[in-house]
Amino acid sequence: MSAIFESVIKTLPNGRWYIELRDIEGDREAECLSVEDFAKLLEEWGADYGHDVNVTWSQEDNVSELQVHEVRMEMMAYEQKMNEEGGDL
């Protein structure tokens, strides 16, 4: 059975988004201020489960569509960069 990580897009008072990552099984929680931070933490925590993880996504009500779009675009750019470098996500 895979581990479940919850990712919630949230917003700071200054309008900047961040991702709250929760490990349901391991009772861990962290705030990721960038996609790179999120990816590193996902890799680190995922190793504890043999990288067999399921990531669920949601967003708080006060997160704008623009912020969600920014997260998606940064995720896509990060994935492309990793693919070009031959690295794992």
PDB file of N, CA and C in Angstrom:
ATOM      1  N   MET A   1       0.840  -1.188   0.000  1.00  0.00           N
ATOM      2  CA  MET A   1       0.000   0.000   0.000  1.00  0.00           C
ATOM      3  C   MET A   1       0.881   1.246   0.000  1.00  0.00           C
ATOM      4  N   SER A   2       0.544   2.190  -0.834  1.00  0.00           N
ATOM      5  CA  SER A   2       1.354   3.399  -0.917  1.00  0.00           C
ATOM      6  C   SER A   2       0.998   4.378   0.196  1.00  0.00           C
ATOM      7  N   ALA A   3       1.966   5.219   0.501  1.00  0.00           N
ATOM      8  CA  ALA A   3       1.754   6.275   1.483  1.00  0.00           C
ATOM      9  C   ALA A   3       0.967   7.399   0.821  1.00  0.00           C
ATOM     10  N   ILE A   4       0.242   8.154   1.618  1.00  0.00           N
ATOM     11  CA  ILE A   4      -0.527   9.283   1.092  1.00  0.00           C
ATOM     12  C   ILE A   4       0.068  10.574   1.634  1.00  0.00           C
ATOM     13  N   PHE A   5       0.440  11.450   0.715  1.00  0.00           N
ATOM     14  CA  PHE A   5       0.907  12.784   1.061  1.00  0.00           C
ATOM     15  C   PHE A   5      -0.146  13.772   0.588  1.00  0.00           C
ATOM     16  N   GLU A   6      -0.519  14.686   1.453  1.00  0.00           N
ATOM     17  CA  GLU A   6      -1.463  15.734   1.095  1.00  0.00           C
ATOM     18  C   GLU A   6      -0.693  17.002   0.781  1.00  0.00           C
ATOM     19  N   SER A   7      -0.989  17.600  -0.349  1.00  0.00           N
ATOM     20  CA  SER A   7      -0.390  18.883  -0.746  1.00  0.00           C
ATOM     21  C   SER A   7      -1.508  19.902  -0.863  1.00  0.00           C
ATOM     22  N   VAL A   8      -1.364  20.984  -0.116  1.00  0.00           N
ATOM     23  CA  VAL A   8      -2.381  22.034  -0.122  1.00  0.00           C
ATOM     24  C   VAL A   8      -1.709  23.351  -0.509  1.00  0.00           C
ATOM     25  N   ILE A   9      -2.204  23.958  -1.568  1.00  0.00           N
ATOM     26  CA  ILE A   9      -1.694  25.262  -1.973  1.00  0.00           C
ATOM     27  C   ILE A   9      -2.354  26.303  -1.073  1.00  0.00           C
ATOM     28  N   LYS A  10      -1.511  27.128  -0.452  1.00  0.00           N
ATOM     29  CA  LYS A  10      -1.989  28.166   0.460  1.00  0.00           C
ATOM     30  C   LYS A  10      -1.368  29.492   0.054  1.00  0.00           C
ATOM     31  N   THR A  11      -1.849  30.554   0.652  1.00  0.00           N
ATOM     32  CA  THR A  11      -1.331  31.877   0.328  1.00  0.00           C
ATOM     33  C   THR A  11      -0.888  32.606   1.592  1.00  0.00           C
ATOM     34  N   LEU A  12       0.182  33.361   1.445  1.00  0.00           N
ATOM     35  CA  LEU A  12       0.695  34.188   2.533  1.00  0.00           C
ATOM     36  C   LEU A  12       0.023  35.560   2.475  1.00  0.00           C
ATOM     37  N   PRO A  13       0.074  36.336   3.561  1.00  0.00           N
ATOM     38  CA  PRO A  13      -0.542  37.666   3.552  1.00  0.00           C
ATOM     39  C   PRO A  13      -0.011  38.583   2.439  1.00  0.00           C
ATOM     40  N   ASN A  14       1.231  38.363   2.000  1.00  0.00           N
ATOM     41  CA  ASN A  14       1.804  39.204   0.938  1.00  0.00           C
ATOM     42  C   ASN A  14       1.381  38.750  -0.457  1.00  0.00           C
ATOM     43  N   GLY A  15       0.546  37.709  -0.540  1.00  0.00           N
ATOM     44  CA  GLY A  15       0.049  37.228  -1.828  1.00  0.00           C
ATOM     45  C   GLY A  15       0.869  36.117  -2.453  1.00  0.00           C
ATOM     46  N   ARG A  16       1.977  35.767  -1.844  1.00  0.00           N
ATOM     47  CA  ARG A  16       2.830  34.686  -2.358  1.00  0.00           C
ATOM     48  C   ARG A  16       2.228  33.346  -1.946  1.00  0.00           C
ATOM     49  N   TRP A  17       2.276  32.379  -2.856  1.00  0.00           N
ATOM     50  CA  TRP A  17       1.760  31.053  -2.554  1.00  0.00           C
ATOM     51  C   TRP A  17       2.846  30.196  -1.908  1.00  0.00           C
ATOM     52  N   TYR A  18       2.412  29.136  -1.239  1.00  0.00           N
ATOM     53  CA  TYR A  18       3.310  28.093  -0.744  1.00  0.00           C
ATOM     54  C   TYR A  18       2.535  26.791  -0.723  1.00  0.00           C
ATOM     55  N   ILE A  19       3.252  25.695  -0.590  1.00  0.00           N
ATOM     56  CA  ILE A  19       2.622  24.378  -0.570  1.00  0.00           C
ATOM     57  C   ILE A  19       2.844  23.762   0.801  1.00  0.00           C
ATOM     58  N   GLU A  20       1.747  23.404   1.450  1.00  0.00           N
ATOM     59  CA  GLU A  20       1.837  22.678   2.714  1.00  0.00           C
ATOM     60  C   GLU A  20       1.804  21.194   2.376  1.00  0.00           C
ATOM     61  N   LEU A  21       2.832  20.473   2.782  1.00  0.00           N
ATOM     62  CA  LEU A  21       2.935  19.040   2.518  1.00  0.00           C
ATOM     63  C   LEU A  21       2.757  18.285   3.821  1.00  0.00           C
ATOM     64  N   ARG A  22       1.841  17.311   3.803  1.00  0.00           N
ATOM     65  CA  ARG A  22       1.580  16.481   4.991  1.00  0.00           C
ATOM     66  C   ARG A  22       1.745  15.020   4.640  1.00  0.00           C
ATOM     67  N   ASP A  23       2.452  14.315   5.498  1.00  0.00           N
ATOM     68  CA  ASP A  23       2.602  12.864   5.405  1.00  0.00           C
ATOM     69  C   ASP A  23       1.591  12.276   6.386  1.00  0.00           C
ATOM     70  N   ILE A  24       0.524  11.719   5.849  1.00  0.00           N
ATOM     71  CA  ILE A  24      -0.562  11.213   6.687  1.00  0.00           C
ATOM     72  C   ILE A  24      -0.086  10.083   7.595  1.00  0.00           C
ATOM     73  N   GLU A  25       0.672   9.162   7.047  1.00  0.00           N
ATOM     74  CA  GLU A  25       1.158   8.000   7.801  1.00  0.00           C
ATOM     75  C   GLU A  25       2.226   8.381   8.824  1.00  0.00           C
ATOM     76  N   GLY A  26       3.149   9.232   8.411  1.00  0.00           N
ATOM     77  CA  GLY A  26       4.294   9.565   9.249  1.00  0.00           C
ATOM     78  C   GLY A  26       4.091  10.743  10.165  1.00  0.00           C
ATOM     79  N   ASP A  27       2.912  11.351  10.102  1.00  0.00           N
ATOM     80  CA  ASP A  27       2.590  12.478  10.972  1.00  0.00           C
ATOM     81  C   ASP A  27       3.628  13.600  10.850  1.00  0.00           C
ATOM     82  N   ARG A  28       4.010  13.921   9.579  1.00  0.00           N
ATOM     83  CA  ARG A  28       4.950  15.006   9.324  1.00  0.00           C
ATOM     84  C   ARG A  28       4.232  16.081   8.515  1.00  0.00           C
ATOM     85  N   GLU A  29       4.685  17.317   8.697  1.00  0.00           N
ATOM     86  CA  GLU A  29       4.104  18.437   7.969  1.00  0.00           C
ATOM     87  C   GLU A  29       5.189  19.483   7.736  1.00  0.00           C
ATOM     88  N   ALA A  30       5.172  20.096   6.552  1.00  0.00           N
ATOM     89  CA  ALA A  30       6.162  21.132   6.237  1.00  0.00           C
ATOM     90  C   ALA A  30       5.557  22.140   5.277  1.00  0.00           C
ATOM     91  N   GLU A  31       6.115  23.341   5.286  1.00  0.00           N
ATOM     92  CA  GLU A  31       5.722  24.383   4.351  1.00  0.00           C
ATOM     93  C   GLU A  31       6.828  24.537   3.324  1.00  0.00           C
ATOM     94  N   CYS A  32       6.469  24.432   2.057  1.00  0.00           N
ATOM     95  CA  CYS A  32       7.428  24.535   0.959  1.00  0.00           C
ATOM     96  C   CYS A  32       7.181  25.844   0.222  1.00  0.00           C
ATOM     97  N   LEU A  33       8.185  26.709   0.210  1.00  0.00           N
ATOM     98  CA  LEU A  33       8.036  28.024  -0.403  1.00  0.00           C
ATOM     99  C   LEU A  33       8.372  28.023  -1.887  1.00  0.00           C
ATOM    100  N   SER A  34       8.814  26.869  -2.402  1.00  0.00           N
ATOM    101  CA  SER A  34       9.119  26.759  -3.829  1.00  0.00           C
ATOM    102  C   SER A  34       8.849  25.329  -4.291  1.00  0.00           C
ATOM    103  N   VAL A  35       8.745  25.176  -5.588  1.00  0.00           N
ATOM    104  CA  VAL A  35       8.551  23.845  -6.167  1.00  0.00           C
ATOM    105  C   VAL A  35       9.786  22.987  -5.898  1.00  0.00           C
ATOM    106  N   GLU A  36      10.966  23.597  -5.931  1.00  0.00           N
ATOM    107  CA  GLU A  36      12.197  22.860  -5.657  1.00  0.00           C
ATOM    108  C   GLU A  36      12.200  22.301  -4.234  1.00  0.00           C
ATOM    109  N   ASP A  37      11.786  23.124  -3.273  1.00  0.00           N
ATOM    110  CA  ASP A  37      11.693  22.666  -1.882  1.00  0.00           C
ATOM    111  C   ASP A  37      10.699  21.508  -1.768  1.00  0.00           C
ATOM    112  N   PHE A  38       9.570  21.659  -2.448  1.00  0.00           N
ATOM    113  CA  PHE A  38       8.537  20.621  -2.438  1.00  0.00           C
ATOM    114  C   PHE A  38       9.096  19.309  -2.998  1.00  0.00           C
ATOM    115  N   ALA A  39       9.785  19.392  -4.142  1.00  0.00           N
ATOM    116  CA  ALA A  39      10.328  18.191  -4.790  1.00  0.00           C
ATOM    117  C   ALA A  39      11.366  17.502  -3.906  1.00  0.00           C
ATOM    118  N   LYS A  40      12.230  18.285  -3.275  1.00  0.00           N
ATOM    119  CA  LYS A  40      13.254  17.715  -2.385  1.00  0.00           C
ATOM    120  C   LYS A  40      12.605  16.974  -1.222  1.00  0.00           C
ATOM    121  N   LEU A  41      11.632  17.610  -0.617  1.00  0.00           N
ATOM    122  CA  LEU A  41      10.964  17.012   0.538  1.00  0.00           C
ATOM    123  C   LEU A  41      10.171  15.772   0.131  1.00  0.00           C
ATOM    124  N   LEU A  42       9.521  15.836  -1.015  1.00  0.00           N
ATOM    125  CA  LEU A  42       8.781  14.682  -1.518  1.00  0.00           C
ATOM    126  C   LEU A  42       9.722  13.507  -1.750  1.00  0.00           C
ATOM    127  N   GLU A  43      10.878  13.776  -2.309  1.00  0.00           N
ATOM    128  CA  GLU A  43      11.887  12.732  -2.536  1.00  0.00           C
ATOM    129  C   GLU A  43      12.371  12.153  -1.208  1.00  0.00           C
ATOM    130  N   GLU A  44      12.677  13.026  -0.269  1.00  0.00           N
ATOM    131  CA  GLU A  44      13.183  12.602   1.040  1.00  0.00           C
ATOM    132  C   GLU A  44      12.156  11.756   1.795  1.00  0.00           C
ATOM    133  N   TRP A  45      10.945  12.268   1.912  1.00  0.00           N
ATOM    134  CA  TRP A  45       9.908  11.539   2.634  1.00  0.00           C
ATOM    135  C   TRP A  45       9.507  10.280   1.882  1.00  0.00           C
ATOM    136  N   GLY A  46       9.455  10.359   0.557  1.00  0.00           N
ATOM    137  CA  GLY A  46       9.075   9.204  -0.249  1.00  0.00           C
ATOM    138  C   GLY A  46      10.035   8.037  -0.095  1.00  0.00           C
ATOM    139  N   ALA A  47      11.302   8.331   0.168  1.00  0.00           N
ATOM    140  CA  ALA A  47      12.302   7.276   0.358  1.00  0.00           C
ATOM    141  C   ALA A  47      11.917   6.378   1.533  1.00  0.00           C
ATOM    142  N   ASP A  48      11.265   6.938   2.528  1.00  0.00           N
ATOM    143  CA  ASP A  48      10.837   6.150   3.693  1.00  0.00           C
ATOM    144  C   ASP A  48       9.801   5.097   3.321  1.00  0.00           C
ATOM    145  N   TYR A  49       9.162   5.260   2.168  1.00  0.00           N
ATOM    146  CA  TYR A  49       8.116   4.344   1.715  1.00  0.00           C
ATOM    147  C   TYR A  49       8.511   3.642   0.416  1.00  0.00           C
ATOM    148  N   GLY A  50       9.796   3.611   0.120  1.00  0.00           N
ATOM    149  CA  GLY A  50      10.241   2.994  -1.124  1.00  0.00           C
ATOM    150  C   GLY A  50       9.744   3.743  -2.340  1.00  0.00           C
ATOM    151  N   HIS A  51       9.471   5.027  -2.183  1.00  0.00           N
ATOM    152  CA  HIS A  51       8.966   5.916  -3.234  1.00  0.00           C
ATOM    153  C   HIS A  51       7.600   5.480  -3.769  1.00  0.00           C
ATOM    154  N   ASP A  52       6.881   4.697  -2.985  1.00  0.00           N
ATOM    155  CA  ASP A  52       5.523   4.291  -3.345  1.00  0.00           C
ATOM    156  C   ASP A  52       4.557   5.232  -2.630  1.00  0.00           C
ATOM    157  N   VAL A  53       4.318   6.396  -3.254  1.00  0.00           N
ATOM    158  CA  VAL A  53       3.483   7.421  -2.625  1.00  0.00           C
ATOM    159  C   VAL A  53       2.402   7.902  -3.579  1.00  0.00           C
ATOM    160  N   ASN A  54       1.345   8.359  -2.991  1.00  0.00           N
ATOM    161  CA  ASN A  54       0.241   8.974  -3.717  1.00  0.00           C
ATOM    162  C   ASN A  54       0.106  10.393  -3.177  1.00  0.00           C
ATOM    163  N   VAL A  55       0.175  11.383  -4.070  1.00  0.00           N
ATOM    164  CA  VAL A  55       0.081  12.784  -3.654  1.00  0.00           C
ATOM    165  C   VAL A  55      -1.292  13.314  -4.041  1.00  0.00           C
ATOM    166  N   THR A  56      -2.026  13.797  -3.056  1.00  0.00           N
ATOM    167  CA  THR A  56      -3.315  14.428  -3.317  1.00  0.00           C
ATOM    168  C   THR A  56      -3.122  15.942  -3.268  1.00  0.00           C
ATOM    169  N   TRP A  57      -3.886  16.656  -4.077  1.00  0.00           N
ATOM    170  CA  TRP A  57      -3.768  18.113  -4.156  1.00  0.00           C
ATOM    171  C   TRP A  57      -5.098  18.777  -3.828  1.00  0.00           C
ATOM    172  N   SER A  58      -4.985  19.915  -3.154  1.00  0.00           N
ATOM    173  CA  SER A  58      -6.136  20.773  -2.925  1.00  0.00           C
ATOM    174  C   SER A  58      -5.614  22.192  -2.743  1.00  0.00           C
ATOM    175  N   GLN A  59      -6.528  23.109  -2.554  1.00  0.00           N
ATOM    176  CA  GLN A  59      -6.148  24.500  -2.328  1.00  0.00           C
ATOM    177  C   GLN A  59      -7.116  25.123  -1.351  1.00  0.00           C
ATOM    178  N   GLU A  60      -6.618  26.093  -0.606  1.00  0.00           N
ATOM    179  CA  GLU A  60      -7.494  26.831   0.293  1.00  0.00           C
ATOM    180  C   GLU A  60      -8.402  27.744  -0.525  1.00  0.00           C
ATOM    181  N   ASP A  61      -9.510  28.127   0.066  1.00  0.00           N
ATOM    182  CA  ASP A  61     -10.496  28.963  -0.628  1.00  0.00           C
ATOM    183  C   ASP A  61      -9.942  30.317  -1.065  1.00  0.00           C
ATOM    184  N   ASN A  62      -8.984  30.864  -0.305  1.00  0.00           N
ATOM    185  CA  ASN A  62      -8.475  32.195  -0.623  1.00  0.00           C
ATOM    186  C   ASN A  62      -7.336  32.194  -1.645  1.00  0.00           C
ATOM    187  N   VAL A  63      -6.990  31.043  -2.199  1.00  0.00           N
ATOM    188  CA  VAL A  63      -5.951  30.945  -3.224  1.00  0.00           C
ATOM    189  C   VAL A  63      -6.568  31.298  -4.572  1.00  0.00           C
ATOM    190  N   SER A  64      -5.924  32.209  -5.283  1.00  0.00           N
ATOM    191  CA  SER A  64      -6.467  32.655  -6.570  1.00  0.00           C
ATOM    192  C   SER A  64      -6.129  31.653  -7.681  1.00  0.00           C
ATOM    193  N   GLU A  65      -6.883  31.755  -8.759  1.00  0.00           N
ATOM    194  CA  GLU A  65      -6.605  30.909  -9.930  1.00  0.00           C
ATOM    195  C   GLU A  65      -5.221  31.217 -10.494  1.00  0.00           C
ATOM    196  N   LEU A  66      -4.807  32.478 -10.404  1.00  0.00           N
ATOM    197  CA  LEU A  66      -3.480  32.857 -10.868  1.00  0.00           C
ATOM    198  C   LEU A  66      -2.394  32.133 -10.058  1.00  0.00           C
ATOM    199  N   GLN A  67      -2.585  32.053  -8.755  1.00  0.00           N
ATOM    200  CA  GLN A  67      -1.611  31.353  -7.912  1.00  0.00           C
ATOM    201  C   GLN A  67      -1.563  29.870  -8.263  1.00  0.00           C
ATOM    202  N   VAL A  68      -2.707  29.254  -8.469  1.00  0.00           N
ATOM    203  CA  VAL A  68      -2.749  27.841  -8.857  1.00  0.00           C
ATOM    204  C   VAL A  68      -2.035  27.656 -10.195  1.00  0.00           C
ATOM    205  N   HIS A  69      -2.284  28.567 -11.123  1.00  0.00           N
ATOM    206  CA  HIS A  69      -1.625  28.507 -12.430  1.00  0.00           C
ATOM    207  C   HIS A  69      -0.104  28.632 -12.280  1.00  0.00           C
ATOM    208  N   GLU A  70       0.343  29.537 -11.411  1.00  0.00           N
ATOM    209  CA  GLU A  70       1.779  29.696 -11.171  1.00  0.00           C
ATOM    210  C   GLU A  70       2.401  28.408 -10.648  1.00  0.00           C
ATOM    211  N   VAL A  71       1.726  27.757  -9.709  1.00  0.00           N
ATOM    212  CA  VAL A  71       2.242  26.494  -9.167  1.00  0.00           C
ATOM    213  C   VAL A  71       2.331  25.455 -10.284  1.00  0.00           C
ATOM    214  N   ARG A  72       1.281  25.340 -11.080  1.00  0.00           N
ATOM    215  CA  ARG A  72       1.284  24.367 -12.184  1.00  0.00           C
ATOM    216  C   ARG A  72       2.420  24.638 -13.161  1.00  0.00           C
ATOM    217  N   MET A  73       2.585  25.905 -13.529  1.00  0.00           N
ATOM    218  CA  MET A  73       3.632  26.261 -14.490  1.00  0.00           C
ATOM    219  C   MET A  73       5.021  25.980 -13.927  1.00  0.00           C
ATOM    220  N   GLU A  74       5.232  26.285 -12.659  1.00  0.00           N
ATOM    221  CA  GLU A  74       6.529  26.017 -12.038  1.00  0.00           C
ATOM    222  C   GLU A  74       6.777  24.519 -11.924  1.00  0.00           C
ATOM    223  N   MET A  75       5.721  23.744 -11.659  1.00  0.00           N
ATOM    224  CA  MET A  75       5.868  22.279 -11.601  1.00  0.00           C
ATOM    225  C   MET A  75       6.254  21.737 -12.969  1.00  0.00           C
ATOM    226  N   MET A  76       5.603  22.235 -14.015  1.00  0.00           N
ATOM    227  CA  MET A  76       5.903  21.776 -15.365  1.00  0.00           C
ATOM    228  C   MET A  76       7.337  22.147 -15.754  1.00  0.00           C
ATOM    229  N   ALA A  77       7.769  23.355 -15.416  1.00  0.00           N
ATOM    230  CA  ALA A  77       9.134  23.787 -15.727  1.00  0.00           C
ATOM    231  C   ALA A  77      10.150  22.938 -14.965  1.00  0.00           C
ATOM    232  N   TYR A  78       9.845  22.623 -13.715  1.00  0.00           N
ATOM    233  CA  TYR A  78      10.743  21.790 -12.910  1.00  0.00           C
ATOM    234  C   TYR A  78      10.844  20.384 -13.504  1.00  0.00           C
ATOM    235  N   GLU A  79       9.705  19.814 -13.878  1.00  0.00           N
ATOM    236  CA  GLU A  79       9.703  18.480 -14.489  1.00  0.00           C
ATOM    237  C   GLU A  79      10.508  18.467 -15.787  1.00  0.00           C
ATOM    238  N   GLN A  80      10.334  19.499 -16.604  1.00  0.00           N
ATOM    239  CA  GLN A  80      11.074  19.577 -17.857  1.00  0.00           C
ATOM    240  C   GLN A  80      12.576  19.669 -17.585  1.00  0.00           C
ATOM    241  N   LYS A  81      12.953  20.491 -16.630  1.00  0.00           N
ATOM    242  CA  LYS A  81      14.364  20.634 -16.271  1.00  0.00           C
ATOM    243  C   LYS A  81      14.945  19.303 -15.810  1.00  0.00           C
ATOM    244  N   MET A  82      14.204  18.603 -14.960  1.00  0.00           N
ATOM    245  CA  MET A  82      14.688  17.309 -14.453  1.00  0.00           C
ATOM    246  C   MET A  82      14.799  16.294 -15.589  1.00  0.00           C
ATOM    247  N   ASN A  83      13.853  16.292 -16.499  1.00  0.00           N
ATOM    248  CA  ASN A  83      13.896  15.368 -17.632  1.00  0.00           C
ATOM    249  C   ASN A  83      15.101  15.660 -18.529  1.00  0.00           C
ATOM    250  N   GLU A  84      15.378  16.927 -18.755  1.00  0.00           N
ATOM    251  CA  GLU A  84      16.519  17.316 -19.574  1.00  0.00           C
ATOM    252  C   GLU A  84      17.840  16.937 -18.931  1.00  0.00           C
ATOM    253  N   GLU A  85      17.877  17.020 -17.608  1.00  0.00           N
ATOM    254  CA  GLU A  85      19.095  16.680 -16.873  1.00  0.00           C
ATOM    255  C   GLU A  85      19.194  15.185 -16.602  1.00  0.00           C
ATOM    256  N   GLY A  86      18.134  14.460 -16.942  1.00  0.00           N
ATOM    257  CA  GLY A  86      18.133  13.015 -16.709  1.00  0.00           C
ATOM    258  C   GLY A  86      17.949  12.626 -15.258  1.00  0.00           C
ATOM    259  N   GLY A  87      17.425  13.548 -14.454  1.00  0.00           N
ATOM    260  CA  GLY A  87      17.212  13.278 -13.034  1.00  0.00           C
ATOM    261  C   GLY A  87      15.830  12.738 -12.767  1.00  0.00           C
ATOM    262  N   ASP A  88      15.656  12.257 -11.565  1.00  0.00           N
ATOM    263  CA  ASP A  88      14.355  11.769 -11.119  1.00  0.00           C
ATOM    264  C   ASP A  88      13.597  12.904 -10.473  1.00  0.00           C
ATOM    265  N   LEU A  89      12.287  12.822 -10.561  1.00  0.00           N
ATOM    266  CA  LEU A  89      11.431  13.820  -9.898  1.00  0.00           C
ATOM    267  C   LEU A  89      11.231  13.456  -8.471  1.00  0.00           C
TER     268      LEU A  89
END
